[in-house]
N, C-alpha and C. Protein backbone atom coordinates (compact mmCIF):
# COMPACT_ATOMS: atom_id res chain seq x y z
N UNK A 1 -66.73 76.19 -103.60
CA UNK A 1 -66.47 75.01 -102.39
C UNK A 1 -65.01 74.74 -102.31
N UNK A 2 -64.43 74.35 -103.96
CA UNK A 2 -63.21 73.83 -103.90
C UNK A 2 -62.00 74.67 -103.45
N UNK A 3 -62.11 76.10 -103.32
CA UNK A 3 -61.05 76.98 -103.33
C UNK A 3 -61.11 76.60 -101.65
N UNK A 4 -62.10 76.40 -100.88
CA UNK A 4 -61.78 76.21 -99.79
C UNK A 4 -61.51 74.93 -98.77
N UNK A 5 -62.01 74.31 -99.49
CA UNK A 5 -61.56 72.62 -99.14
C UNK A 5 -60.74 71.77 -100.02
N UNK A 6 -59.94 70.76 -99.41
CA UNK A 6 -59.04 70.05 -100.36
C UNK A 6 -60.13 68.71 -100.92
N UNK A 7 -59.78 68.11 -101.53
CA UNK A 7 -60.55 67.08 -102.27
C UNK A 7 -60.74 65.97 -101.73
N UNK A 8 -59.91 65.80 -100.55
CA UNK A 8 -60.19 64.77 -99.41
C UNK A 8 -61.24 65.28 -98.42
N UNK A 9 -61.38 66.59 -98.21
CA UNK A 9 -61.73 67.48 -97.14
C UNK A 9 -63.36 66.97 -97.84
N UNK A 10 -63.60 67.68 -99.36
CA UNK A 10 -65.14 67.28 -99.82
C UNK A 10 -65.66 65.93 -99.89
N UNK A 11 -64.79 65.16 -100.16
CA UNK A 11 -65.36 63.80 -100.11
C UNK A 11 -65.76 63.25 -98.63
N UNK A 12 -65.25 63.81 -97.56
CA UNK A 12 -65.52 63.41 -95.95
C UNK A 12 -66.94 64.16 -95.91
N UNK A 13 -66.87 65.46 -96.35
CA UNK A 13 -68.26 65.87 -96.41
C UNK A 13 -69.40 65.69 -96.84
N UNK A 14 -69.21 65.21 -98.22
CA UNK A 14 -70.32 64.31 -98.68
C UNK A 14 -70.18 62.69 -98.77
N UNK A 15 -69.72 62.26 -98.23
CA UNK A 15 -69.45 60.79 -98.08
C UNK A 15 -70.73 60.60 -97.05
N UNK A 16 -71.75 59.48 -97.20
CA UNK A 16 -72.26 58.66 -96.14
C UNK A 16 -72.40 58.88 -94.96
N UNK A 17 -73.06 59.06 -94.40
CA UNK A 17 -72.48 58.91 -92.71
C UNK A 17 -72.06 57.54 -92.29
N UNK A 18 -71.09 57.26 -91.54
CA UNK A 18 -70.39 56.28 -91.22
C UNK A 18 -71.38 55.71 -89.50
N UNK A 19 -71.13 54.50 -89.16
CA UNK A 19 -71.23 53.95 -87.82
C UNK A 19 -70.56 55.00 -86.91
N UNK A 20 -71.14 55.29 -85.90
CA UNK A 20 -70.64 56.30 -84.73
C UNK A 20 -69.40 55.75 -84.20
N UNK A 21 -69.04 54.47 -84.20
CA UNK A 21 -67.43 54.00 -83.99
C UNK A 21 -66.68 54.31 -84.56
N UNK A 22 -66.91 54.23 -85.89
CA UNK A 22 -65.89 54.89 -86.79
C UNK A 22 -65.47 56.18 -86.71
N UNK A 23 -66.51 57.30 -86.71
CA UNK A 23 -66.10 58.54 -86.75
C UNK A 23 -65.60 58.82 -85.02
N UNK A 24 -65.81 58.00 -84.38
CA UNK A 24 -65.21 58.38 -82.56
C UNK A 24 -63.90 57.85 -83.20
N UNK A 25 -63.54 56.86 -83.87
CA UNK A 25 -62.05 56.53 -83.68
C UNK A 25 -61.20 57.42 -84.62
N UNK A 26 -61.78 57.71 -85.69
CA UNK A 26 -61.33 58.57 -86.49
C UNK A 26 -61.05 60.00 -85.75
N UNK A 27 -61.61 60.45 -84.67
CA UNK A 27 -61.32 61.77 -84.17
C UNK A 27 -60.26 61.45 -83.35
N UNK A 28 -60.50 60.50 -82.85
CA UNK A 28 -59.07 60.27 -81.74
C UNK A 28 -58.08 60.49 -82.68
N UNK A 29 -57.77 59.45 -83.57
CA UNK A 29 -56.58 59.29 -84.32
C UNK A 29 -56.22 60.84 -84.68
N UNK A 30 -57.26 61.62 -85.21
CA UNK A 30 -56.94 63.02 -85.48
C UNK A 30 -56.03 63.67 -84.52
N UNK A 31 -56.90 63.32 -83.16
CA UNK A 31 -55.98 64.32 -82.14
C UNK A 31 -54.91 63.84 -81.87
N UNK A 32 -54.64 62.42 -81.90
CA UNK A 32 -53.15 62.19 -81.81
C UNK A 32 -52.31 62.83 -82.60
N UNK A 33 -52.59 63.11 -84.29
CA UNK A 33 -51.95 63.24 -85.21
C UNK A 33 -51.60 64.65 -84.91
N UNK A 34 -52.31 65.53 -84.55
CA UNK A 34 -52.42 66.89 -83.84
C UNK A 34 -51.31 67.13 -82.63
N UNK A 35 -51.59 66.06 -81.86
CA UNK A 35 -50.81 66.29 -80.59
C UNK A 35 -49.68 66.05 -81.22
N UNK A 36 -49.30 65.09 -81.77
CA UNK A 36 -47.61 64.52 -82.20
C UNK A 36 -46.99 65.92 -82.97
N UNK A 37 -47.95 66.47 -84.01
CA UNK A 37 -47.14 67.41 -84.71
C UNK A 37 -46.72 68.61 -83.70
N UNK A 38 -47.45 68.81 -82.62
CA UNK A 38 -47.05 70.31 -81.70
C UNK A 38 -45.95 69.42 -80.95
N UNK A 39 -45.69 68.49 -80.58
CA UNK A 39 -44.56 67.81 -79.67
C UNK A 39 -43.38 67.71 -80.82
N UNK A 40 -43.63 67.40 -81.89
CA UNK A 40 -42.69 67.31 -82.89
C UNK A 40 -41.70 68.74 -83.05
């Protein structure tokens, strides 16, 4: 598993589920970061 995923990714995979609102906000944040990288 560790060959395919970074340590932070593994922590997210095995972390207990979060409230829906938190994960939605995280998805939005990730999308904005990706957009910023492409724009940069």
